[in-house]
C-alpha atoms as a PDB file:
ATOM      1  CA  MET A   1     -14.332  38.356  11.271  1.00  0.00           C
ATOM      2  CA  ARG A   2     -10.579  37.890  11.078  1.00  0.00           C
ATOM      3  CA  ARG A   3      -9.220  34.547  12.143  1.00  0.00           C
ATOM      4  CA  SER A   4      -6.754  34.514  14.970  1.00  0.00           C
ATOM      5  CA  LYS A   5      -3.296  33.228  14.118  1.00  0.00           C
ATOM      6  CA  LEU A   6      -3.406  31.217  17.319  1.00  0.00           C
ATOM      7  CA  LEU A   7      -5.844  28.845  15.604  1.00  0.00           C
ATOM      8  CA  PHE A   8      -2.999  27.637  13.380  1.00  0.00           C
ATOM      9  CA  VAL A   9      -0.705  26.802  16.302  1.00  0.00           C
ATOM     10  CA  PRO A  10      -2.193  23.309  16.919  1.00  0.00           C
ATOM     11  CA  LEU A  11      -1.965  22.628  13.174  1.00  0.00           C
ATOM     12  CA  TRP A  12       1.729  23.452  12.966  1.00  0.00           C
ATOM     13  CA  VAL A  13       2.483  21.644  16.225  1.00  0.00           C
ATOM     14  CA  THR A  14       0.839  18.541  14.757  1.00  0.00           C
ATOM     15  CA  TYR A  15       2.848  18.852  11.535  1.00  0.00           C
ATOM     16  CA  VAL A  16       6.092  19.217  13.483  1.00  0.00           C
ATOM     17  CA  PHE A  17       5.225  16.242  15.670  1.00  0.00           C
ATOM     18  CA  LEU A  18       4.489  14.078  12.613  1.00  0.00           C
ATOM     19  CA  TYR A  19       7.283  15.075  10.265  1.00  0.00           C
ATOM     20  CA  LEU A  20      10.208  16.174  12.430  1.00  0.00           C
ATOM     21  CA  PRO A  21      11.199  12.543  13.250  1.00  0.00           C
ATOM     22  CA  ILE A  22      11.141  11.752   9.522  1.00  0.00           C
ATOM     23  CA  VAL A  23      13.373  14.729   8.740  1.00  0.00           C
ATOM     24  CA  VAL A  24      15.792  13.701  11.493  1.00  0.00           C
ATOM     25  CA  LEU A  25      15.858  10.129  10.164  1.00  0.00           C
ATOM     26  CA  VAL A  26      16.696  11.272   6.629  1.00  0.00           C
ATOM     27  CA  VAL A  27      19.394  13.654   7.843  1.00  0.00           C
ATOM     28  CA  MET A  28      20.993  11.001  10.065  1.00  0.00           C
ATOM     29  CA  SER A  29      21.061   8.560   7.142  1.00  0.00           C
ATOM     30  CA  PHE A  30      23.820  10.769   5.666  1.00  0.00           C
ATOM     31  CA  ASN A  31      25.847  10.672   8.873  1.00  0.00           C
ATOM     32  CA  ALA A  32      29.543   9.946   8.459  1.00  0.00           C
ATOM     33  CA  GLY A  33      29.874   8.544  11.975  1.00  0.00           C
ATOM     34  CA  GLU A  34      28.914   5.177  13.451  1.00  0.00           C
ATOM     35  CA  SER A  35      26.334   6.590  15.846  1.00  0.00           C
ATOM     36  CA  ALA A  36      22.698   6.891  14.847  1.00  0.00           C
ATOM     37  CA  TYR A  37      22.199   9.766  17.285  1.00  0.00           C
ATOM     38  CA  THR A  38      25.232  12.020  16.789  1.00  0.00           C
ATOM     39  CA  TYR A  39      25.788  13.759  13.464  1.00  0.00           C
ATOM     40  CA  GLU A  40      29.478  13.778  12.499  1.00  0.00           C
ATOM     41  CA  GLY A  41      29.387  15.032   8.922  1.00  0.00           C
ATOM     42  CA  PHE A  42      27.908  14.286   5.513  1.00  0.00           C
ATOM     43  CA  SER A  43      28.555  10.899   3.909  1.00  0.00           C
ATOM     44  CA  LEU A  44      26.892   8.444   1.513  1.00  0.00           C
ATOM     45  CA  LYS A  45      28.768   5.417   2.812  1.00  0.00           C
ATOM     46  CA  TRP A  46      25.750   3.850   4.524  1.00  0.00           C
ATOM     47  CA  TYR A  47      23.878   3.730   1.236  1.00  0.00           C
ATOM     48  CA  GLY A  48      26.834   1.931  -0.266  1.00  0.00           C
ATOM     49  CA  GLU A  49      26.846  -0.555   2.592  1.00  0.00           C
ATOM     50  CA  LEU A  50      23.175  -1.250   1.985  1.00  0.00           C
ATOM     51  CA  ALA A  51      23.956  -2.435  -1.538  1.00  0.00           C
ATOM     52  CA  ALA A  52      26.724  -4.690  -0.199  1.00  0.00           C
ATOM     53  CA  ASP A  53      24.569  -6.294   2.532  1.00  0.00           C
ATOM     54  CA  GLU A  54      23.351  -9.689   1.303  1.00  0.00           C
ATOM     55  CA  ARG A  55      20.591  -9.935   3.925  1.00  0.00           C
ATOM     56  CA  ILE A  56      19.094  -6.643   2.792  1.00  0.00           C
ATOM     57  CA  ARG A  57      19.368  -7.567  -0.894  1.00  0.00           C
ATOM     58  CA  ASN A  58      17.633 -10.899  -0.344  1.00  0.00           C
ATOM     59  CA  GLY A  59      15.008  -9.264   1.855  1.00  0.00           C
ATOM     60  CA  LEU A  60      14.355  -6.651  -0.815  1.00  0.00           C
ATOM     61  CA  ILE A  61      13.945  -9.314  -3.498  1.00  0.00           C
ATOM     62  CA  ASN A  62      11.508 -11.265  -1.319  1.00  0.00           C
ATOM     63  CA  THR A  63       9.575  -8.090  -0.535  1.00  0.00           C
ATOM     64  CA  LEU A  64       9.290  -7.149  -4.207  1.00  0.00           C
ATOM     65  CA  VAL A  65       8.085 -10.652  -5.106  1.00  0.00           C
ATOM     66  CA  VAL A  66       5.437 -10.507  -2.384  1.00  0.00           C
ATOM     67  CA  ALA A  67       4.432  -6.929  -3.207  1.00  0.00           C
ATOM     68  CA  VAL A  68       4.105  -7.524  -6.956  1.00  0.00           C
ATOM     69  CA  GLY A  69       2.210 -10.799  -6.502  1.00  0.00           C
ATOM     70  CA  SER A  70      -0.181  -9.458  -3.883  1.00  0.00           C
ATOM     71  CA  THR A  71      -0.735  -6.229  -5.837  1.00  0.00           C
ATOM     72  CA  ALA A  72      -1.690  -8.159  -8.979  1.00  0.00           C
ATOM     73  CA  ILE A  73      -4.198 -10.317  -7.079  1.00  0.00           C
ATOM     74  CA  ALA A  74      -5.581  -7.428  -5.014  1.00  0.00           C
ATOM     75  CA  THR A  75      -5.986  -5.190  -8.073  1.00  0.00           C
ATOM     76  CA  VAL A  76      -7.975  -7.765 -10.056  1.00  0.00           C
ATOM     77  CA  LEU A  77     -10.158  -8.928  -7.170  1.00  0.00           C
ATOM     78  CA  GLY A  78     -10.554  -5.435  -5.697  1.00  0.00           C
ATOM     79  CA  THR A  79     -11.703  -4.040  -9.044  1.00  0.00           C
ATOM     80  CA  LEU A  80     -14.223  -6.839  -9.542  1.00  0.00           C
ATOM     81  CA  LEU A  81     -15.408  -6.405  -5.957  1.00  0.00           C
ATOM     82  CA  ALA A  82     -15.917  -2.670  -6.459  1.00  0.00           C
ATOM     83  CA  VAL A  83     -17.878  -3.218  -9.673  1.00  0.00           C
ATOM     84  CA  GLY A  84     -20.024  -5.895  -8.058  1.00  0.00           C
ATOM     85  CA  LEU A  85     -20.835  -3.742  -5.035  1.00  0.00           C
ATOM     86  CA  ALA A  86     -21.522  -0.618  -7.091  1.00  0.00           C
ATOM     87  CA  ARG A  87     -23.462  -2.164  -9.954  1.00  0.00           C
ATOM     88  CA  HIS A  88     -25.098  -5.321  -8.617  1.00  0.00           C
ATOM     89  CA  SER A  89     -25.551  -4.866  -4.877  1.00  0.00           C
ATOM     90  CA  ARG A  90     -27.125  -2.313  -2.571  1.00  0.00           C
ATOM     91  CA  SER A  91     -26.407  -4.126   0.668  1.00  0.00           C
ATOM     92  CA  LYS A  92     -24.718  -2.082   3.387  1.00  0.00           C
ATOM     93  CA  ALA A  93     -23.812  -5.331   5.132  1.00  0.00           C
ATOM     94  CA  LEU A  94     -21.833  -6.478   2.074  1.00  0.00           C
ATOM     95  CA  ASP A  95     -20.168  -3.074   1.858  1.00  0.00           C
ATOM     96  CA  ALA A  96     -19.049  -3.313   5.474  1.00  0.00           C
ATOM     97  CA  LEU A  97     -17.893  -6.908   5.015  1.00  0.00           C
ATOM     98  CA  ALA A  98     -15.834  -5.987   1.940  1.00  0.00           C
ATOM     99  CA  LEU A  99     -14.029  -3.182   3.774  1.00  0.00           C
ATOM    100  CA  MET A 100     -13.522  -5.104   7.014  1.00  0.00           C
ATOM    101  CA  PRO A 101      -9.914  -6.225   6.248  1.00  0.00           C
ATOM    102  CA  ALA A 102      -8.960  -2.551   5.929  1.00  0.00           C
ATOM    103  CA  VAL A 103     -10.249  -1.594   9.374  1.00  0.00           C
ATOM    104  CA  LEU A 104      -9.342  -4.701  11.343  1.00  0.00           C
ATOM    105  CA  PRO A 105      -6.187  -4.397  13.472  1.00  0.00           C
ATOM    106  CA  ASP A 106      -3.223  -6.001  11.708  1.00  0.00           C
ATOM    107  CA  LEU A 107      -2.582  -8.262  14.679  1.00  0.00           C
ATOM    108  CA  VAL A 108      -6.141  -9.624  14.667  1.00  0.00           C
ATOM    109  CA  LEU A 109      -6.053 -10.223  10.912  1.00  0.00           C
ATOM    110  CA  ALA A 110      -2.626 -11.882  11.126  1.00  0.00           C
ATOM    111  CA  ILE A 111      -3.705 -14.281  13.887  1.00  0.00           C
ATOM    112  CA  GLY A 112      -6.918 -15.090  12.037  1.00  0.00           C
ATOM    113  CA  LEU A 113      -5.048 -15.869   8.830  1.00  0.00           C
ATOM    114  CA  LEU A 114      -2.506 -17.984  10.690  1.00  0.00           C
ATOM    115  CA  LEU A 115      -5.303 -20.041  12.275  1.00  0.00           C
ATOM    116  CA  PHE A 116      -7.068 -20.370   8.920  1.00  0.00           C
ATOM    117  CA  TYR A 117      -3.915 -21.622   7.195  1.00  0.00           C
ATOM    118  CA  GLY A 118      -3.501 -24.130  10.011  1.00  0.00           C
ATOM    119  CA  VAL A 119      -7.070 -25.404   9.596  1.00  0.00           C
ATOM    120  CA  ILE A 120      -6.655 -25.959   5.853  1.00  0.00           C
ATOM    121  CA  ALA A 121      -3.141 -27.405   6.404  1.00  0.00           C
ATOM    122  CA  LEU A 122      -1.457 -24.844   4.160  1.00  0.00           C
ATOM    123  CA  THR A 123       2.321 -24.790   4.491  1.00  0.00           C
ATOM    124  CA  LEU A 124       3.478 -21.267   5.222  1.00  0.00           C
ATOM    125  CA  GLY A 125       5.830 -19.466   2.871  1.00  0.00           C
ATOM    126  CA  HIS A 126       6.016 -16.525   0.538  1.00  0.00           C
ATOM    127  CA  TYR A 127       2.799 -17.567  -1.193  1.00  0.00           C
ATOM    128  CA  SER A 128       0.893 -17.429   2.086  1.00  0.00           C
ATOM    129  CA  VAL A 129       2.210 -13.896   2.634  1.00  0.00           C
ATOM    130  CA  ILE A 130       1.140 -12.980  -0.917  1.00  0.00           C
ATOM    131  CA  LEU A 131      -2.387 -14.270  -0.269  1.00  0.00           C
ATOM    132  CA  SER A 132      -2.527 -12.483   3.092  1.00  0.00           C
ATOM    133  CA  HIS A 133      -1.356  -9.170   1.667  1.00  0.00           C
ATOM    134  CA  ALA A 134      -3.767  -9.538  -1.242  1.00  0.00           C
ATOM    135  CA  LEU A 135      -6.661  -9.943   1.186  1.00  0.00           C
ATOM    136  CA  PHE A 136      -5.496  -6.961   3.197  1.00  0.00           C
ATOM    137  CA  SER A 137      -4.915  -4.723   0.166  1.00  0.00           C
ATOM    138  CA  MET A 138      -8.008  -5.777  -1.784  1.00  0.00           C
ATOM    139  CA  ALA A 139     -10.258  -3.689   0.460  1.00  0.00           C
ATOM    140  CA  PHE A 140      -8.206  -0.554  -0.236  1.00  0.00           C
ATOM    141  CA  VAL A 141      -8.254  -1.179  -3.990  1.00  0.00           C
ATOM    142  CA  ALA A 142     -12.016  -1.712  -3.888  1.00  0.00           C
ATOM    143  CA  ALA A 143     -12.508   1.553  -1.979  1.00  0.00           C
ATOM    144  CA  VAL A 144     -10.413   3.558  -4.458  1.00  0.00           C
ATOM    145  CA  VAL A 145     -12.016   1.982  -7.544  1.00  0.00           C
ATOM    146  CA  ARG A 146     -15.506   2.373  -6.135  1.00  0.00           C
ATOM    147  CA  THR A 147     -14.885   6.077  -5.626  1.00  0.00           C
ATOM    148  CA  ARG A 148     -14.032   6.272  -9.312  1.00  0.00           C
ATOM    149  CA  LEU A 149     -17.122   4.217 -10.176  1.00  0.00           C
ATOM    150  CA  SER A 150     -19.402   6.634  -8.367  1.00  0.00           C
ATOM    151  CA  GLY A 151     -18.656   9.263 -11.008  1.00  0.00           C
ATOM    152  CA  ALA A 152     -18.519   6.989 -14.057  1.00  0.00           C
ATOM    153  CA  ASP A 153     -20.979   7.617 -16.884  1.00  0.00           C
ATOM    154  CA  THR A 154     -23.431   4.691 -16.803  1.00  0.00           C
ATOM    155  CA  SER A 155     -25.172   5.881 -19.970  1.00  0.00           C
ATOM    156  CA  LEU A 156     -22.250   4.596 -22.042  1.00  0.00           C
ATOM    157  CA  GLU A 157     -22.638   1.138 -20.518  1.00  0.00           C
ATOM    158  CA  GLU A 158     -26.390   1.179 -21.173  1.00  0.00           C
ATOM    159  CA  ALA A 159     -25.817   2.252 -24.764  1.00  0.00           C
ATOM    160  CA  SER A 160     -23.311  -0.550 -25.252  1.00  0.00           C
ATOM    161  CA  ARG A 161     -25.774  -3.161 -24.007  1.00  0.00           C
ATOM    162  CA  ASP A 162     -28.579  -1.668 -26.101  1.00  0.00           C
ATOM    163  CA  LEU A 163     -26.401  -2.106 -29.177  1.00  0.00           C
ATOM    164  CA  GLY A 164     -26.023  -5.812 -28.449  1.00  0.00           C
ATOM    165  CA  ALA A 165     -22.766  -5.980 -26.514  1.00  0.00           C
ATOM    166  CA  GLY A 166     -22.649  -8.496 -23.685  1.00  0.00           C
ATOM    167  CA  HIS A 167     -21.690  -7.758 -20.087  1.00  0.00           C
ATOM    168  CA  VAL A 168     -18.094  -8.882 -20.587  1.00  0.00           C
ATOM    169  CA  VAL A 169     -17.574  -6.813 -23.733  1.00  0.00           C
ATOM    170  CA  THR A 170     -19.182  -3.781 -22.086  1.00  0.00           C
ATOM    171  CA  PHE A 171     -16.954  -4.153 -19.068  1.00  0.00           C
ATOM    172  CA  MET A 172     -13.770  -4.535 -21.111  1.00  0.00           C
ATOM    173  CA  LYS A 173     -14.513  -1.825 -23.687  1.00  0.00           C
ATOM    174  CA  ILE A 174     -16.476   0.763 -21.691  1.00  0.00           C
ATOM    175  CA  THR A 175     -16.223   0.315 -17.925  1.00  0.00           C
ATOM    176  CA  LEU A 176     -12.572  -0.672 -17.607  1.00  0.00           C
ATOM    177  CA  PRO A 177     -11.140   2.319 -19.542  1.00  0.00           C
ATOM    178  CA  GLN A 178     -13.172   4.694 -17.340  1.00  0.00           C
ATOM    179  CA  LEU A 179     -11.823   3.009 -14.230  1.00  0.00           C
ATOM    180  CA  ALA A 180      -8.183   2.895 -15.371  1.00  0.00           C
ATOM    181  CA  PRO A 181      -6.922   5.880 -13.280  1.00  0.00           C
ATOM    182  CA  GLY A 182      -8.630   4.516 -10.166  1.00  0.00           C
ATOM    183  CA  ILE A 183      -7.323   1.010 -10.773  1.00  0.00           C
ATOM    184  CA  VAL A 184      -3.729   2.220 -11.168  1.00  0.00           C
ATOM    185  CA  ALA A 185      -4.066   4.413  -8.074  1.00  0.00           C
ATOM    186  CA  GLY A 186      -5.427   1.446  -6.109  1.00  0.00           C
ATOM    187  CA  ALA A 187      -2.612  -0.779  -7.362  1.00  0.00           C
ATOM    188  CA  LEU A 188       0.023   1.755  -6.269  1.00  0.00           C
ATOM    189  CA  LEU A 189      -1.608   1.964  -2.851  1.00  0.00           C
ATOM    190  CA  ALA A 190      -1.672  -1.838  -2.557  1.00  0.00           C
ATOM    191  CA  PHE A 191       1.995  -2.050  -3.577  1.00  0.00           C
ATOM    192  CA  THR A 192       2.989   0.562  -1.003  1.00  0.00           C
ATOM    193  CA  LEU A 193       1.039  -1.172   1.769  1.00  0.00           C
ATOM    194  CA  SER A 194       2.623  -4.531   0.983  1.00  0.00           C
ATOM    195  CA  LEU A 195       6.113  -3.060   0.651  1.00  0.00           C
ATOM    196  CA  ASP A 196       6.473  -2.096   4.310  1.00  0.00           C
ATOM    197  CA  GLU A 197       3.902  -4.371   5.988  1.00  0.00           C
ATOM    198  CA  PHE A 198       5.415  -6.275   8.906  1.00  0.00           C
ATOM    199  CA  VAL A 199       2.860  -7.826  11.273  1.00  0.00           C
ATOM    200  CA  ILE A 200       0.923  -9.991   8.798  1.00  0.00           C
ATOM    201  CA  ALA A 201       4.127 -11.082   7.039  1.00  0.00           C
ATOM    202  CA  PHE A 202       5.769 -11.974  10.357  1.00  0.00           C
ATOM    203  CA  PHE A 203       2.878 -14.265  11.326  1.00  0.00           C
ATOM    204  CA  THR A 204       2.327 -15.944   7.952  1.00  0.00           C
ATOM    205  CA  ILE A 205       5.787 -16.370   6.425  1.00  0.00           C
ATOM    206  CA  GLY A 206       6.778 -19.496   8.369  1.00  0.00           C
ATOM    207  CA  ASN A 207      10.363 -20.629   7.789  1.00  0.00           C
ATOM    208  CA  ALA A 208      10.752 -18.952   4.397  1.00  0.00           C
ATOM    209  CA  GLU A 209      13.373 -16.288   3.695  1.00  0.00           C
ATOM    210  CA  PRO A 210      12.275 -13.069   5.456  1.00  0.00           C
ATOM    211  CA  THR A 211      10.922  -9.995   3.735  1.00  0.00           C
ATOM    212  CA  LEU A 212      12.649  -6.644   4.128  1.00  0.00           C
ATOM    213  CA  PRO A 213      10.532  -5.362   7.068  1.00  0.00           C
ATOM    214  CA  ILE A 214      11.326  -8.567   8.984  1.00  0.00           C
ATOM    215  CA  VAL A 215      15.028  -8.116   8.180  1.00  0.00           C
ATOM    216  CA  ILE A 216      14.847  -4.552   9.512  1.00  0.00           C
ATOM    217  CA  TYR A 217      13.153  -5.791  12.676  1.00  0.00           C
ATOM    218  CA  SER A 218      15.922  -8.331  13.243  1.00  0.00           C
ATOM    219  CA  MET A 219      18.515  -5.571  12.802  1.00  0.00           C
ATOM    220  CA  ILE A 220      16.993  -2.976  15.158  1.00  0.00           C
ATOM    221  CA  ARG A 221      16.824  -5.470  18.021  1.00  0.00           C
ATOM    222  CA  PHE A 222      20.537  -4.768  18.459  1.00  0.00           C
ATOM    223  CA  GLY A 223      20.189  -1.005  18.134  1.00  0.00           C
ATOM    224  CA  VAL A 224      19.530   1.547  15.413  1.00  0.00           C
ATOM    225  CA  THR A 225      22.444   2.290  13.064  1.00  0.00           C
ATOM    226  CA  PRO A 226      22.866   4.828  10.248  1.00  0.00           C
ATOM    227  CA  LYS A 227      22.489   1.896   7.837  1.00  0.00           C
ATOM    228  CA  ILE A 228      18.940   1.343   9.081  1.00  0.00           C
ATOM    229  CA  ASN A 229      18.294   5.064   8.756  1.00  0.00           C
ATOM    230  CA  ALA A 230      19.461   4.928   5.141  1.00  0.00           C
ATOM    231  CA  LEU A 231      17.226   1.946   4.415  1.00  0.00           C
ATOM    232  CA  ALA A 232      14.255   3.669   6.040  1.00  0.00           C
ATOM    233  CA  ALA A 233      14.922   6.808   3.982  1.00  0.00           C
ATOM    234  CA  ILE A 234      14.828   4.779   0.758  1.00  0.00           C
ATOM    235  CA  LEU A 235      11.564   3.097   1.748  1.00  0.00           C
ATOM    236  CA  LEU A 236      10.172   6.502   2.644  1.00  0.00           C
ATOM    237  CA  LEU A 237      11.090   7.835  -0.792  1.00  0.00           C
ATOM    238  CA  VAL A 238       9.463   4.878  -2.566  1.00  0.00           C
ATOM    239  CA  SER A 239       6.278   5.237  -0.509  1.00  0.00           C
ATOM    240  CA  PHE A 240       6.204   8.991  -1.089  1.00  0.00           C
ATOM    241  CA  VAL A 241       6.549   8.619  -4.861  1.00  0.00           C
ATOM    242  CA  ALA A 242       3.857   5.921  -4.995  1.00  0.00           C
ATOM    243  CA  VAL A 243       1.396   7.982  -2.949  1.00  0.00           C
ATOM    244  CA  ILE A 244       2.006  11.134  -5.001  1.00  0.00           C
ATOM    245  CA  ALA A 245       1.594   9.153  -8.231  1.00  0.00           C
ATOM    246  CA  GLY A 246      -1.670   7.653  -6.951  1.00  0.00           C
ATOM    247  CA  GLN A 247      -3.015  11.075  -5.988  1.00  0.00           C
ATOM    248  CA  ARG A 248      -1.980  12.494  -9.341  1.00  0.00           C
ATOM    249  CA  LEU A 249      -3.775   9.727 -11.215  1.00  0.00           C
ATOM    250  CA  THR A 250      -6.878  10.243  -9.093  1.00  0.00           C
ATOM    251  CA  ARG A 251      -6.892  13.958  -9.918  1.00  0.00           C
ATOM    252  CA  ILE A 252      -6.444  13.191 -13.623  1.00  0.00           C
ATOM    253  CA  GLY A 253      -9.460  10.881 -13.428  1.00  0.00           C
ATOM    254  CA  GLU A 254     -11.511  13.555 -11.669  1.00  0.00           C
ATOM    255  CA  ALA A 255     -10.522  16.138 -14.278  1.00  0.00           C
ATOM    256  CA  GLN A 256     -11.492  13.807 -17.110  1.00  0.00           C
ATOM    257  CA  ARG A 257     -14.821  13.124 -15.419  1.00  0.00           C
ATOM    258  CA  ALA A 258     -15.487  16.855 -15.007  1.00  0.00           C
ATOM    259  CA  GLU A 259     -14.697  17.514 -18.670  1.00  0.00           C
ATOM    260  CA  GLY A 260     -16.981  14.675 -19.696  1.00  0.00           C
END
């Protein structure tokens, strides 16, 4: 039976609804005029103004510090969490608990973290944002790494232990190399999530210098400008490259697993 072409109409309408605003944003970032809504010709001047804006430069530096720090913590803890759940636990309750930060609304998680930091009398700053983003991203890293673990060859680990290697040596020499594509993919995902996360950072940063998403929020309160469009286009490009790289690494891991 031949499929009707009308079945694809909702699909393309959905794609247009999702991606047309992004296309418009990128196009308007090259606008020569001052208006964010009227295109007056091609120009790269707004990208040049981004580099000259001290607030944006400082916000970018703070964001990179937070993203790198939280990604490092989330990658290590998320990998260990995935291995523990896959190899040493069969509890569905623990599985749900480990993934809970990924499904909780950002606002709920942000308020909970803010209250927790208040209870333990932790002064807010960039380090509190790093810890918060690490908690948030760790669940995503664990999910990605655990997917990779589900197809890992456990016979190699058993052979290593039978030959006298301890758990640590087996993990470092056998398990970790098999998980490498999944770990890198999880790290890229964690970095991307931290790069443009706003709600949790807004609640947990205190009086420290703002991250880039908070700087953008302070700018759009007075209206959207082509400079903001240019900044959003750059963030979009970074996120796109990170996601594509993560997917590519995941496919490489799957191909290696199929060949093995």
